[in-house]
Amino acid sequence: MTRWRVWAFAALPLILATLQACSTPEPKVAVVEPAPPAPQITLGSRLIEQASAYRTYMDSASAITPNFSDGASVEVAVQRGAKYETNQLLQGAMAYGALVALQTPEFVDGIRSQAASPEQARELADRLTTNPYAVLGLTGAQGASLRVTKALNDDGQTLYNAGLAVKQSAYDLQKQSWSKDLIAHRETRLELAKSLSATPIKGNLGQGDLLAHAALRSTPDLTAPSPNSAPTVRSMTLAALAVLGRAGDDNDETVSAIMADPNVASCLRMSKLNLNQCLAVAGPNYEDIFCLGQHIMMDSGRCVIKASGMTEPYEAKFIPTVRPIANTTVAQRAPGKKSGKKRG
């Protein structure tokens, strides 16, 4: 056996092992499918319109000042303040509250953490739709609730305080002769107020402006207990559904069913009823100022505070001072009867 054959024979096992190693398939690398993207936060066009109408009215009505100069300026302010429909204002408060709740990162992240898969998102959305109060069990709910509570309470208190100043002017302006003049167009202005109360208003703010406005809300005291009023809870539920992609135009019927609260709705309806009764009996201009301050601004502001769950402001009933009549004979004289002697 030649030397080359001896070497080849001796190297054969090493050659076979090398060939076997080369022929072994490479280990397969596991392919990890990327997680589906989180649903985009979706708010339907009707929700945006309602929130815009609420924000527009609250800003406009709260800006009414007691700087009246004549009966015409009072009439304009009454029309401006009466311009809201009760159901729209209530639903608008909840829609705006949802935008405020979305400013709480822990709340939004908590919702997404419980909706990692489409199945989980669907299950959570169904649970919230069936029971809106289930939103209180989500991570970050406490912070979101406090934020919505503060936003609505601030709005209501601002309107109430502005109305308090207008109501006070009803007494202060009685020193001016024009305030004692009889109201012009008494019947038509009452009918106009009723018409404005039954007509939904158009908001003038888009989604970006509303989100920016909601983001400006100062951070509430996160150590305070939250009252968790029904409108606040429903605002948070709307926000949660928006994070889950279930508050768009296709979900309008479901969303509408959530936006209801009989207690606050009753409060707003009573405010309108008292306004109509006040306008119906008002005589001089200063009495219309009283109707504006008390029933349009203060009463409506009180209802928004009620929606927030905070304590409504206490107001002692006004008891007029009874002054003695200086001339009983003149005071008791029948209207239209002349005071001269009878003619013979």
C-alpha atoms as a PDB file:
ATOM      1  CA  MET A   1       0.000   0.000   0.000  1.00  0.00           C
ATOM      2  CA  THR A   2       1.435   3.267  -1.059  1.00  0.00           C
ATOM      3  CA  ARG A   3       2.054   6.085   1.332  1.00  0.00           C
ATOM      4  CA  TRP A   4      -0.751   8.226  -0.271  1.00  0.00           C
ATOM      5  CA  ARG A   5      -3.287   5.433   0.132  1.00  0.00           C
ATOM      6  CA  VAL A   6      -2.313   4.982   3.781  1.00  0.00           C
ATOM      7  CA  TRP A   7      -2.849   8.699   4.404  1.00  0.00           C
ATOM      8  CA  ALA A   8      -6.208   8.746   2.628  1.00  0.00           C
ATOM      9  CA  PHE A   9      -7.410   5.704   4.530  1.00  0.00           C
ATOM     10  CA  ALA A  10      -6.372   7.223   7.841  1.00  0.00           C
ATOM     11  CA  ALA A  11      -8.034  10.558   7.020  1.00  0.00           C
ATOM     12  CA  LEU A  12     -11.277   8.965   5.883  1.00  0.00           C
ATOM     13  CA  PRO A  13     -13.121   9.290   9.224  1.00  0.00           C
ATOM     14  CA  LEU A  14     -12.219  12.983   9.448  1.00  0.00           C
ATOM     15  CA  ILE A  15     -13.391  13.565   5.872  1.00  0.00           C
ATOM     16  CA  LEU A  16     -16.697  11.775   6.507  1.00  0.00           C
ATOM     17  CA  ALA A  17     -17.293  13.753   9.703  1.00  0.00           C
ATOM     18  CA  THR A  18     -16.599  17.001   7.864  1.00  0.00           C
ATOM     19  CA  LEU A  19     -18.974  16.080   5.070  1.00  0.00           C
ATOM     20  CA  GLN A  20     -21.655  15.106   7.579  1.00  0.00           C
ATOM     21  CA  ALA A  21     -21.285  18.439   9.410  1.00  0.00           C
ATOM     22  CA  CYS A  22     -21.590  20.334   6.171  1.00  0.00           C
ATOM     23  CA  SER A  23     -24.715  18.459   5.216  1.00  0.00           C
ATOM     24  CA  THR A  24     -26.513  19.189   8.567  1.00  0.00           C
ATOM     25  CA  PRO A  25     -29.290  21.766   7.938  1.00  0.00           C
ATOM     26  CA  GLU A  26     -29.024  25.080   9.742  1.00  0.00           C
ATOM     27  CA  PRO A  27     -31.374  25.512  12.700  1.00  0.00           C
ATOM     28  CA  LYS A  28     -34.593  27.324  11.829  1.00  0.00           C
ATOM     29  CA  VAL A  29     -35.027  30.810  13.223  1.00  0.00           C
ATOM     30  CA  ALA A  30     -38.436  31.364  14.816  1.00  0.00           C
ATOM     31  CA  VAL A  31     -40.358  34.129  13.081  1.00  0.00           C
ATOM     32  CA  VAL A  32     -42.179  36.367  15.594  1.00  0.00           C
ATOM     33  CA  GLU A  33     -45.224  38.037  14.140  1.00  0.00           C
ATOM     34  CA  PRO A  34     -45.393  41.748  15.081  1.00  0.00           C
ATOM     35  CA  ALA A  35     -48.188  42.709  17.446  1.00  0.00           C
ATOM     36  CA  PRO A  36     -51.130  44.393  15.738  1.00  0.00           C
ATOM     37  CA  PRO A  37     -51.033  48.184  16.096  1.00  0.00           C
ATOM     38  CA  ALA A  38     -53.173  49.712  18.827  1.00  0.00           C
ATOM     39  CA  PRO A  39     -56.541  50.976  17.550  1.00  0.00           C
ATOM     40  CA  GLN A  40     -56.532  54.652  16.721  1.00  0.00           C
ATOM     41  CA  ILE A  41     -58.416  56.849  19.172  1.00  0.00           C
ATOM     42  CA  THR A  42     -61.654  57.533  17.346  1.00  0.00           C
ATOM     43  CA  LEU A  43     -64.339  60.075  18.159  1.00  0.00           C
ATOM     44  CA  GLY A  44     -67.406  60.264  15.940  1.00  0.00           C
ATOM     45  CA  SER A  45     -68.412  63.493  14.234  1.00  0.00           C
ATOM     46  CA  ARG A  46     -71.536  63.783  16.403  1.00  0.00           C
ATOM     47  CA  LEU A  47     -69.450  63.551  19.584  1.00  0.00           C
ATOM     48  CA  ILE A  48     -67.165  66.290  18.309  1.00  0.00           C
ATOM     49  CA  GLU A  49     -70.156  68.461  17.386  1.00  0.00           C
ATOM     50  CA  GLN A  50     -71.759  67.977  20.806  1.00  0.00           C
ATOM     51  CA  ALA A  51     -68.538  68.786  22.641  1.00  0.00           C
ATOM     52  CA  SER A  52     -68.064  71.838  20.449  1.00  0.00           C
ATOM     53  CA  ALA A  53     -71.620  73.049  21.080  1.00  0.00           C
ATOM     54  CA  TYR A  54     -71.134  72.644  24.828  1.00  0.00           C
ATOM     55  CA  ARG A  55     -67.798  74.468  24.826  1.00  0.00           C
ATOM     56  CA  THR A  56     -69.168  77.258  22.627  1.00  0.00           C
ATOM     57  CA  TYR A  57     -72.222  77.838  24.803  1.00  0.00           C
ATOM     58  CA  MET A  58     -70.420  77.682  28.149  1.00  0.00           C
ATOM     59  CA  ASP A  59     -67.761  80.154  27.002  1.00  0.00           C
ATOM     60  CA  SER A  60     -70.365  82.489  25.483  1.00  0.00           C
ATOM     61  CA  ALA A  61     -72.815  82.454  28.395  1.00  0.00           C
ATOM     62  CA  SER A  62     -70.070  82.782  31.020  1.00  0.00           C
ATOM     63  CA  ALA A  63     -68.821  85.905  29.244  1.00  0.00           C
ATOM     64  CA  ILE A  64     -72.114  87.778  29.790  1.00  0.00           C
ATOM     65  CA  THR A  65     -71.416  90.750  32.028  1.00  0.00           C
ATOM     66  CA  PRO A  66     -73.767  93.091  33.941  1.00  0.00           C
ATOM     67  CA  ASN A  67     -72.726  96.092  31.834  1.00  0.00           C
ATOM     68  CA  PHE A  68     -76.210  96.797  30.471  1.00  0.00           C
ATOM     69  CA  SER A  69     -77.006 100.222  29.075  1.00  0.00           C
ATOM     70  CA  ASP A  70     -80.575  99.871  27.819  1.00  0.00           C
ATOM     71  CA  GLY A  71     -83.391  97.405  27.281  1.00  0.00           C
ATOM     72  CA  ALA A  72     -82.001  96.299  23.922  1.00  0.00           C
ATOM     73  CA  SER A  73     -78.722  95.150  25.482  1.00  0.00           C
ATOM     74  CA  VAL A  74     -80.683  93.127  28.034  1.00  0.00           C
ATOM     75  CA  GLU A  75     -82.750  91.524  25.283  1.00  0.00           C
ATOM     76  CA  VAL A  76     -79.609  90.504  23.370  1.00  0.00           C
ATOM     77  CA  ALA A  77     -78.085  88.945  26.508  1.00  0.00           C
ATOM     78  CA  VAL A  78     -81.287  87.003  27.273  1.00  0.00           C
ATOM     79  CA  GLN A  79     -81.314  85.547  23.770  1.00  0.00           C
ATOM     80  CA  ARG A  80     -77.626  84.693  24.021  1.00  0.00           C
ATOM     81  CA  GLY A  81     -78.074  82.919  27.338  1.00  0.00           C
ATOM     82  CA  ALA A  82     -81.272  81.076  26.417  1.00  0.00           C
ATOM     83  CA  LYS A  83     -79.623  79.601  23.336  1.00  0.00           C
ATOM     84  CA  TYR A  84     -79.151  75.992  24.400  1.00  0.00           C
ATOM     85  CA  GLU A  85     -81.182  72.816  24.176  1.00  0.00           C
ATOM     86  CA  THR A  86     -81.141  70.858  27.433  1.00  0.00           C
ATOM     87  CA  ASN A  87     -80.382  67.396  26.053  1.00  0.00           C
ATOM     88  CA  GLN A  88     -77.661  68.748  23.778  1.00  0.00           C
ATOM     89  CA  LEU A  89     -75.990  70.594  26.662  1.00  0.00           C
ATOM     90  CA  LEU A  90     -75.984  67.474  28.855  1.00  0.00           C
ATOM     91  CA  GLN A  91     -74.616  65.224  26.132  1.00  0.00           C
ATOM     92  CA  GLY A  92     -72.151  67.924  25.154  1.00  0.00           C
ATOM     93  CA  ALA A  93     -70.846  68.041  28.719  1.00  0.00           C
ATOM     94  CA  MET A  94     -70.219  64.281  28.591  1.00  0.00           C
ATOM     95  CA  ALA A  95     -68.581  64.475  25.159  1.00  0.00           C
ATOM     96  CA  TYR A  96     -66.295  67.258  26.349  1.00  0.00           C
ATOM     97  CA  GLY A  97     -65.617  65.266  29.521  1.00  0.00           C
ATOM     98  CA  ALA A  98     -64.455  62.375  27.333  1.00  0.00           C
ATOM     99  CA  LEU A  99     -61.899  64.667  25.691  1.00  0.00           C
ATOM    100  CA  VAL A 100     -60.688  65.710  29.139  1.00  0.00           C
ATOM    101  CA  ALA A 101     -60.390  62.067  30.260  1.00  0.00           C
ATOM    102  CA  LEU A 102     -58.229  61.328  27.216  1.00  0.00           C
ATOM    103  CA  GLN A 103     -55.671  63.786  28.622  1.00  0.00           C
ATOM    104  CA  THR A 104     -54.806  61.208  31.329  1.00  0.00           C
ATOM    105  CA  PRO A 105     -51.930  59.058  29.935  1.00  0.00           C
ATOM    106  CA  GLU A 106     -52.211  56.397  32.665  1.00  0.00           C
ATOM    107  CA  PHE A 107     -55.878  55.922  31.802  1.00  0.00           C
ATOM    108  CA  VAL A 108     -55.249  55.567  28.067  1.00  0.00           C
ATOM    109  CA  ASP A 109     -52.308  53.205  28.629  1.00  0.00           C
ATOM    110  CA  GLY A 110     -54.348  51.154  31.102  1.00  0.00           C
ATOM    111  CA  ILE A 111     -57.070  50.622  28.519  1.00  0.00           C
ATOM    112  CA  ARG A 112     -54.593  49.575  25.863  1.00  0.00           C
ATOM    113  CA  SER A 113     -52.863  47.151  28.228  1.00  0.00           C
ATOM    114  CA  GLN A 114     -56.166  45.312  28.706  1.00  0.00           C
ATOM    115  CA  ALA A 115     -56.872  45.287  24.983  1.00  0.00           C
ATOM    116  CA  ALA A 116     -53.652  43.786  23.597  1.00  0.00           C
ATOM    117  CA  SER A 117     -55.533  41.633  21.101  1.00  0.00           C
ATOM    118  CA  PRO A 118     -58.642  42.287  18.997  1.00  0.00           C
ATOM    119  CA  GLU A 119     -60.520  39.725  21.080  1.00  0.00           C
ATOM    120  CA  GLN A 120     -59.597  41.464  24.328  1.00  0.00           C
ATOM    121  CA  ALA A 121     -60.546  44.849  22.893  1.00  0.00           C
ATOM    122  CA  ARG A 122     -63.910  43.514  21.783  1.00  0.00           C
ATOM    123  CA  GLU A 123     -64.573  41.904  25.162  1.00  0.00           C
ATOM    124  CA  LEU A 124     -63.652  45.079  27.061  1.00  0.00           C
ATOM    125  CA  ALA A 125     -65.783  47.281  24.795  1.00  0.00           C
ATOM    126  CA  ASP A 126     -68.794  44.980  25.265  1.00  0.00           C
ATOM    127  CA  ARG A 127     -68.303  45.023  29.039  1.00  0.00           C
ATOM    128  CA  LEU A 128     -68.149  48.831  29.163  1.00  0.00           C
ATOM    129  CA  THR A 129     -71.183  49.181  26.926  1.00  0.00           C
ATOM    130  CA  THR A 130     -73.205  46.846  29.136  1.00  0.00           C
ATOM    131  CA  ASN A 131     -72.002  48.410  32.387  1.00  0.00           C
ATOM    132  CA  PRO A 132     -70.400  51.887  32.077  1.00  0.00           C
ATOM    133  CA  TYR A 133     -69.323  51.775  35.733  1.00  0.00           C
ATOM    134  CA  ALA A 134     -66.891  48.978  34.844  1.00  0.00           C
ATOM    135  CA  VAL A 135     -64.614  51.775  33.643  1.00  0.00           C
ATOM    136  CA  LEU A 136     -63.800  52.560  37.284  1.00  0.00           C
ATOM    137  CA  GLY A 137     -61.858  49.300  37.506  1.00  0.00           C
ATOM    138  CA  LEU A 138     -59.410  50.267  34.775  1.00  0.00           C
ATOM    139  CA  THR A 139     -55.883  51.484  35.500  1.00  0.00           C
ATOM    140  CA  GLY A 140     -55.750  55.284  35.698  1.00  0.00           C
ATOM    141  CA  ALA A 141     -59.501  55.651  36.209  1.00  0.00           C
ATOM    142  CA  GLN A 142     -59.078  57.626  39.433  1.00  0.00           C
ATOM    143  CA  GLY A 143     -56.969  60.292  37.755  1.00  0.00           C
ATOM    144  CA  ALA A 144     -59.290  60.526  34.756  1.00  0.00           C
ATOM    145  CA  SER A 145     -62.351  60.841  36.995  1.00  0.00           C
ATOM    146  CA  LEU A 146     -60.792  63.659  39.014  1.00  0.00           C
ATOM    147  CA  ARG A 147     -59.791  65.469  35.850  1.00  0.00           C
ATOM    148  CA  VAL A 148     -63.311  65.303  34.369  1.00  0.00           C
ATOM    149  CA  THR A 149     -64.865  66.271  37.700  1.00  0.00           C
ATOM    150  CA  LYS A 150     -62.680  69.350  37.948  1.00  0.00           C
ATOM    151  CA  ALA A 151     -63.305  70.412  34.342  1.00  0.00           C
ATOM    152  CA  LEU A 152     -67.108  70.240  34.631  1.00  0.00           C
ATOM    153  CA  ASN A 153     -67.152  71.795  38.090  1.00  0.00           C
ATOM    154  CA  ASP A 154     -64.976  74.689  36.907  1.00  0.00           C
ATOM    155  CA  ASP A 155     -67.295  75.293  33.955  1.00  0.00           C
ATOM    156  CA  GLY A 156     -70.412  75.236  36.116  1.00  0.00           C
ATOM    157  CA  GLN A 157     -68.910  77.420  38.829  1.00  0.00           C
ATOM    158  CA  THR A 158     -67.706  79.995  36.282  1.00  0.00           C
ATOM    159  CA  LEU A 159     -71.181  80.274  34.755  1.00  0.00           C
ATOM    160  CA  TYR A 160     -72.799  80.400  38.202  1.00  0.00           C
ATOM    161  CA  ASN A 161     -70.515  83.185  39.415  1.00  0.00           C
ATOM    162  CA  ALA A 162     -71.115  85.216  36.258  1.00  0.00           C
ATOM    163  CA  GLY A 163     -74.864  84.808  36.787  1.00  0.00           C
ATOM    164  CA  LEU A 164     -74.530  85.918  40.383  1.00  0.00           C
ATOM    165  CA  ALA A 165     -73.017  89.209  39.217  1.00  0.00           C
ATOM    166  CA  VAL A 166     -75.753  89.681  36.590  1.00  0.00           C
ATOM    167  CA  LYS A 167     -78.465  88.968  39.149  1.00  0.00           C
ATOM    168  CA  GLN A 168     -76.984  91.543  41.535  1.00  0.00           C
ATOM    169  CA  SER A 169     -77.060  94.126  38.761  1.00  0.00           C
ATOM    170  CA  ALA A 170     -80.836  93.649  38.523  1.00  0.00           C
ATOM    171  CA  TYR A 171     -80.996  95.473  41.871  1.00  0.00           C
ATOM    172  CA  ASP A 172     -78.118  97.886  41.295  1.00  0.00           C
ATOM    173  CA  LEU A 173     -79.413  99.138  37.926  1.00  0.00           C
ATOM    174  CA  GLN A 174     -82.816 100.091  39.320  1.00  0.00           C
ATOM    175  CA  LYS A 175     -81.290 103.514  39.984  1.00  0.00           C
ATOM    176  CA  GLN A 176     -81.213 104.072  36.219  1.00  0.00           C
ATOM    177  CA  SER A 177     -84.499 105.141  34.660  1.00  0.00           C
ATOM    178  CA  TRP A 178     -84.244 102.880  31.592  1.00  0.00           C
ATOM    179  CA  SER A 179     -84.220  99.768  33.783  1.00  0.00           C
ATOM    180  CA  LYS A 180     -87.728 100.647  34.992  1.00  0.00           C
ATOM    181  CA  ASP A 181     -89.148 100.981  31.493  1.00  0.00           C
ATOM    182  CA  LEU A 182     -91.515  98.210  30.451  1.00  0.00           C
ATOM    183  CA  ILE A 183     -89.923  95.440  28.390  1.00  0.00           C
ATOM    184  CA  ALA A 184     -90.479  95.783  24.667  1.00  0.00           C
ATOM    185  CA  HIS A 185     -91.873  92.798  22.755  1.00  0.00           C
ATOM    186  CA  ARG A 186     -92.703  90.871  25.934  1.00  0.00           C
ATOM    187  CA  GLU A 187     -94.695  88.135  24.195  1.00  0.00           C
ATOM    188  CA  THR A 188     -92.419  87.711  21.197  1.00  0.00           C
ATOM    189  CA  ARG A 189     -89.235  87.611  23.287  1.00  0.00           C
ATOM    190  CA  LEU A 190     -90.699  84.806  25.420  1.00  0.00           C
ATOM    191  CA  GLU A 191     -91.586  82.812  22.320  1.00  0.00           C
ATOM    192  CA  LEU A 192     -88.108  83.452  20.941  1.00  0.00           C
ATOM    193  CA  ALA A 193     -86.526  82.185  24.162  1.00  0.00           C
ATOM    194  CA  LYS A 194     -88.632  79.013  23.927  1.00  0.00           C
ATOM    195  CA  SER A 195     -87.625  78.561  20.294  1.00  0.00           C
ATOM    196  CA  LEU A 196     -83.926  78.992  21.103  1.00  0.00           C
ATOM    197  CA  SER A 197     -84.273  76.479  23.930  1.00  0.00           C
ATOM    198  CA  ALA A 198     -85.634  73.871  21.536  1.00  0.00           C
ATOM    199  CA  THR A 199     -83.080  74.388  18.762  1.00  0.00           C
ATOM    200  CA  PRO A 200     -79.665  72.653  18.931  1.00  0.00           C
ATOM    201  CA  ILE A 201     -76.797  75.049  18.427  1.00  0.00           C
ATOM    202  CA  LYS A 202     -73.753  74.674  16.206  1.00  0.00           C
ATOM    203  CA  GLY A 203     -70.328  74.609  17.782  1.00  0.00           C
ATOM    204  CA  ASN A 204     -67.469  76.600  16.309  1.00  0.00           C
ATOM    205  CA  LEU A 205     -64.541  74.438  17.476  1.00  0.00           C
ATOM    206  CA  GLY A 206     -62.930  71.518  15.656  1.00  0.00           C
ATOM    207  CA  GLN A 207     -61.443  68.377  17.219  1.00  0.00           C
ATOM    208  CA  GLY A 208     -57.944  69.858  17.420  1.00  0.00           C
ATOM    209  CA  ASP A 209     -59.157  73.009  19.176  1.00  0.00           C
ATOM    210  CA  LEU A 210     -61.236  70.972  21.610  1.00  0.00           C
ATOM    211  CA  LEU A 211     -58.324  68.676  22.469  1.00  0.00           C
ATOM    212  CA  ALA A 212     -56.078  71.689  22.980  1.00  0.00           C
ATOM    213  CA  HIS A 213     -58.684  73.304  25.229  1.00  0.00           C
ATOM    214  CA  ALA A 214     -59.094  70.100  27.242  1.00  0.00           C
ATOM    215  CA  ALA A 215     -55.324  69.767  27.602  1.00  0.00           C
ATOM    216  CA  LEU A 216     -55.144  73.195  29.242  1.00  0.00           C
ATOM    217  CA  ARG A 217     -57.118  71.951  32.221  1.00  0.00           C
ATOM    218  CA  SER A 218     -54.878  72.089  35.288  1.00  0.00           C
ATOM    219  CA  THR A 219     -54.028  68.796  36.919  1.00  0.00           C
ATOM    220  CA  PRO A 220     -56.437  68.133  39.789  1.00  0.00           C
ATOM    221  CA  ASP A 221     -55.476  67.091  43.298  1.00  0.00           C
ATOM    222  CA  LEU A 222     -54.894  63.380  42.728  1.00  0.00           C
ATOM    223  CA  THR A 223     -55.099  62.656  46.466  1.00  0.00           C
ATOM    224  CA  ALA A 224     -58.707  63.834  46.724  1.00  0.00           C
ATOM    225  CA  PRO A 225     -61.515  61.275  46.532  1.00  0.00           C
ATOM    226  CA  SER A 226     -63.497  61.347  43.329  1.00  0.00           C
ATOM    227  CA  PRO A 227     -67.309  61.640  43.575  1.00  0.00           C
ATOM    228  CA  ASN A 228     -67.673  59.536  40.393  1.00  0.00           C
ATOM    229  CA  SER A 229     -70.949  61.120  39.317  1.00  0.00           C
ATOM    230  CA  ALA A 230     -72.924  59.398  36.577  1.00  0.00           C
ATOM    231  CA  PRO A 231     -72.018  61.969  33.871  1.00  0.00           C
ATOM    232  CA  THR A 232     -68.339  61.736  34.878  1.00  0.00           C
ATOM    233  CA  VAL A 233     -68.372  57.938  34.654  1.00  0.00           C
ATOM    234  CA  ARG A 234     -70.114  58.056  31.295  1.00  0.00           C
ATOM    235  CA  SER A 235     -67.572  60.580  30.016  1.00  0.00           C
ATOM    236  CA  MET A 236     -64.807  58.164  30.982  1.00  0.00           C
ATOM    237  CA  THR A 237     -66.641  55.290  29.286  1.00  0.00           C
ATOM    238  CA  LEU A 238     -66.876  57.307  26.078  1.00  0.00           C
ATOM    239  CA  ALA A 239     -63.139  57.999  26.315  1.00  0.00           C
ATOM    240  CA  ALA A 240     -62.399  54.291  26.842  1.00  0.00           C
ATOM    241  CA  LEU A 241     -64.512  53.325  23.834  1.00  0.00           C
ATOM    242  CA  ALA A 242     -62.673  55.954  21.788  1.00  0.00           C
ATOM    243  CA  VAL A 243     -59.325  54.365  22.735  1.00  0.00           C
ATOM    244  CA  LEU A 244     -60.738  50.977  21.707  1.00  0.00           C
ATOM    245  CA  GLY A 245     -61.859  52.395  18.366  1.00  0.00           C
ATOM    246  CA  ARG A 246     -65.534  51.955  19.303  1.00  0.00           C
ATOM    247  CA  ALA A 247     -66.758  55.571  19.480  1.00  0.00           C
ATOM    248  CA  GLY A 248     -66.765  56.445  15.799  1.00  0.00           C
ATOM    249  CA  ASP A 249     -69.661  57.275  13.515  1.00  0.00           C
ATOM    250  CA  ASP A 250     -70.379  53.567  13.038  1.00  0.00           C
ATOM    251  CA  ASN A 251     -71.020  53.247  16.790  1.00  0.00           C
ATOM    252  CA  ASP A 252     -73.409  56.197  17.068  1.00  0.00           C
ATOM    253  CA  GLU A 253     -76.325  54.178  18.440  1.00  0.00           C
ATOM    254  CA  THR A 254     -74.235  52.579  21.183  1.00  0.00           C
ATOM    255  CA  VAL A 255     -72.622  55.873  22.122  1.00  0.00           C
ATOM    256  CA  SER A 256     -75.982  57.663  22.302  1.00  0.00           C
ATOM    257  CA  ALA A 257     -77.308  55.056  24.735  1.00  0.00           C
ATOM    258  CA  ILE A 258     -74.416  55.784  27.104  1.00  0.00           C
ATOM    259  CA  MET A 259     -74.942  59.566  27.105  1.00  0.00           C
ATOM    260  CA  ALA A 260     -77.948  59.795  29.392  1.00  0.00           C
ATOM    261  CA  ASP A 261     -78.527  60.986  32.944  1.00  0.00           C
ATOM    262  CA  PRO A 262     -82.102  61.651  34.147  1.00  0.00           C
ATOM    263  CA  ASN A 263     -81.079  63.674  37.221  1.00  0.00           C
ATOM    264  CA  VAL A 264     -79.074  66.336  35.403  1.00  0.00           C
ATOM    265  CA  ALA A 265     -81.552  66.314  32.512  1.00  0.00           C
ATOM    266  CA  SER A 266     -84.345  67.071  34.991  1.00  0.00           C
ATOM    267  CA  CYS A 267     -82.262  69.878  36.513  1.00  0.00           C
ATOM    268  CA  LEU A 268     -81.779  71.537  33.126  1.00  0.00           C
ATOM    269  CA  ARG A 269     -85.442  71.168  32.182  1.00  0.00           C
ATOM    270  CA  MET A 270     -86.484  72.773  35.476  1.00  0.00           C
ATOM    271  CA  SER A 271     -84.086  75.633  34.790  1.00  0.00           C
ATOM    272  CA  LYS A 272     -85.798  76.249  31.447  1.00  0.00           C
ATOM    273  CA  LEU A 273     -89.269  75.996  32.994  1.00  0.00           C
ATOM    274  CA  ASN A 274     -88.394  78.562  35.650  1.00  0.00           C
ATOM    275  CA  LEU A 275     -86.922  80.830  32.972  1.00  0.00           C
ATOM    276  CA  ASN A 276     -90.110  80.735  30.899  1.00  0.00           C
ATOM    277  CA  GLN A 277     -92.250  81.479  33.942  1.00  0.00           C
ATOM    278  CA  CYS A 278     -89.941  84.347  34.926  1.00  0.00           C
ATOM    279  CA  LEU A 279     -90.014  85.906  31.456  1.00  0.00           C
ATOM    280  CA  ALA A 280     -93.792  85.510  31.288  1.00  0.00           C
ATOM    281  CA  VAL A 281     -94.400  87.718  34.338  1.00  0.00           C
ATOM    282  CA  ALA A 282     -91.464  90.147  34.011  1.00  0.00           C
ATOM    283  CA  GLY A 283     -92.481  93.764  33.533  1.00  0.00           C
ATOM    284  CA  PRO A 284     -89.614  96.299  33.632  1.00  0.00           C
ATOM    285  CA  ASN A 285     -86.192  95.659  32.141  1.00  0.00           C
ATOM    286  CA  TYR A 286     -84.505  94.965  35.465  1.00  0.00           C
ATOM    287  CA  GLU A 287     -86.777  91.966  35.968  1.00  0.00           C
ATOM    288  CA  ASP A 288     -85.529  90.458  32.718  1.00  0.00           C
ATOM    289  CA  ILE A 289     -81.997  90.959  34.051  1.00  0.00           C
ATOM    290  CA  PHE A 290     -83.012  88.979  37.126  1.00  0.00           C
ATOM    291  CA  CYS A 291     -84.413  86.165  34.928  1.00  0.00           C
ATOM    292  CA  LEU A 292     -81.156  86.096  32.985  1.00  0.00           C
ATOM    293  CA  GLY A 293     -78.882  85.996  36.013  1.00  0.00           C
ATOM    294  CA  GLN A 294     -80.914  83.571  38.116  1.00  0.00           C
ATOM    295  CA  HIS A 295     -82.543  81.104  35.754  1.00  0.00           C
ATOM    296  CA  ILE A 296     -80.349  81.159  32.655  1.00  0.00           C
ATOM    297  CA  MET A 297     -76.905  81.486  34.190  1.00  0.00           C
ATOM    298  CA  MET A 298     -76.992  80.497  37.868  1.00  0.00           C
ATOM    299  CA  ASP A 299     -79.486  77.643  37.512  1.00  0.00           C
ATOM    300  CA  SER A 300     -77.761  76.209  34.423  1.00  0.00           C
ATOM    301  CA  GLY A 301     -74.363  76.552  36.099  1.00  0.00           C
ATOM    302  CA  ARG A 302     -75.728  74.731  39.121  1.00  0.00           C
ATOM    303  CA  CYS A 303     -76.845  71.863  36.866  1.00  0.00           C
ATOM    304  CA  VAL A 304     -73.362  71.522  35.352  1.00  0.00           C
ATOM    305  CA  ILE A 305     -71.881  71.486  38.867  1.00  0.00           C
ATOM    306  CA  LYS A 306     -74.392  68.767  39.689  1.00  0.00           C
ATOM    307  CA  ALA A 307     -73.155  66.815  36.661  1.00  0.00           C
ATOM    308  CA  SER A 308     -69.602  67.010  38.023  1.00  0.00           C
ATOM    309  CA  GLY A 309     -70.696  65.467  41.321  1.00  0.00           C
ATOM    310  CA  MET A 310     -69.424  68.380  43.373  1.00  0.00           C
ATOM    311  CA  THR A 311     -71.520  70.170  45.996  1.00  0.00           C
ATOM    312  CA  GLU A 312     -73.892  72.705  44.499  1.00  0.00           C
ATOM    313  CA  PRO A 313     -73.451  76.276  45.761  1.00  0.00           C
ATOM    314  CA  TYR A 314     -75.723  77.374  48.555  1.00  0.00           C
ATOM    315  CA  GLU A 315     -77.848  80.416  47.930  1.00  0.00           C
ATOM    316  CA  ALA A 316     -80.090  81.902  50.587  1.00  0.00           C
ATOM    317  CA  LYS A 317     -83.525  82.819  49.280  1.00  0.00           C
ATOM    318  CA  PHE A 318     -83.964  86.518  48.677  1.00  0.00           C
ATOM    319  CA  ILE A 319     -86.539  88.041  51.012  1.00  0.00           C
ATOM    320  CA  PRO A 320     -87.509  91.559  49.926  1.00  0.00           C
ATOM    321  CA  THR A 321     -87.659  94.300  52.523  1.00  0.00           C
ATOM    322  CA  VAL A 322     -91.236  95.414  53.222  1.00  0.00           C
ATOM    323  CA  ARG A 323     -91.366  99.189  53.465  1.00  0.00           C
ATOM    324  CA  PRO A 324     -94.368 101.121  54.876  1.00  0.00           C
ATOM    325  CA  ILE A 325     -96.556 102.807  52.297  1.00  0.00           C
ATOM    326  CA  ALA A 326     -96.194 106.567  52.597  1.00  0.00           C
ATOM    327  CA  ASN A 327     -99.584 107.557  51.210  1.00  0.00           C
ATOM    328  CA  THR A 328    -102.258 104.957  51.857  1.00  0.00           C
ATOM    329  CA  THR A 329    -104.950 106.959  50.099  1.00  0.00           C
ATOM    330  CA  VAL A 330    -102.999 107.127  46.850  1.00  0.00           C
ATOM    331  CA  ALA A 331    -101.808 103.533  47.119  1.00  0.00           C
ATOM    332  CA  GLN A 332    -105.309 102.195  47.609  1.00  0.00           C
ATOM    333  CA  ARG A 333    -106.855 104.303  44.876  1.00  0.00           C
ATOM    334  CA  ALA A 334    -108.288 102.190  42.086  1.00  0.00           C
ATOM    335  CA  PRO A 335    -106.300 102.318  38.823  1.00  0.00           C
ATOM    336  CA  GLY A 336    -107.582 104.930  36.393  1.00  0.00           C
ATOM    337  CA  LYS A 337    -109.706 106.828  38.938  1.00  0.00           C
ATOM    338  CA  LYS A 338    -108.967 110.545  39.009  1.00  0.00           C
ATOM    339  CA  SER A 339    -108.345 112.371  42.271  1.00  0.00           C
ATOM    340  CA  GLY A 340    -110.225 115.589  41.635  1.00  0.00           C
ATOM    341  CA  LYS A 341    -113.614 116.589  43.007  1.00  0.00           C
ATOM    342  CA  LYS A 342    -116.735 115.231  41.437  1.00  0.00           C
ATOM    343  CA  ARG A 343    -118.268 117.493  38.871  1.00  0.00           C
ATOM    344  CA  GLY A 344    -121.841 118.621  39.569  1.00  0.00           C
END
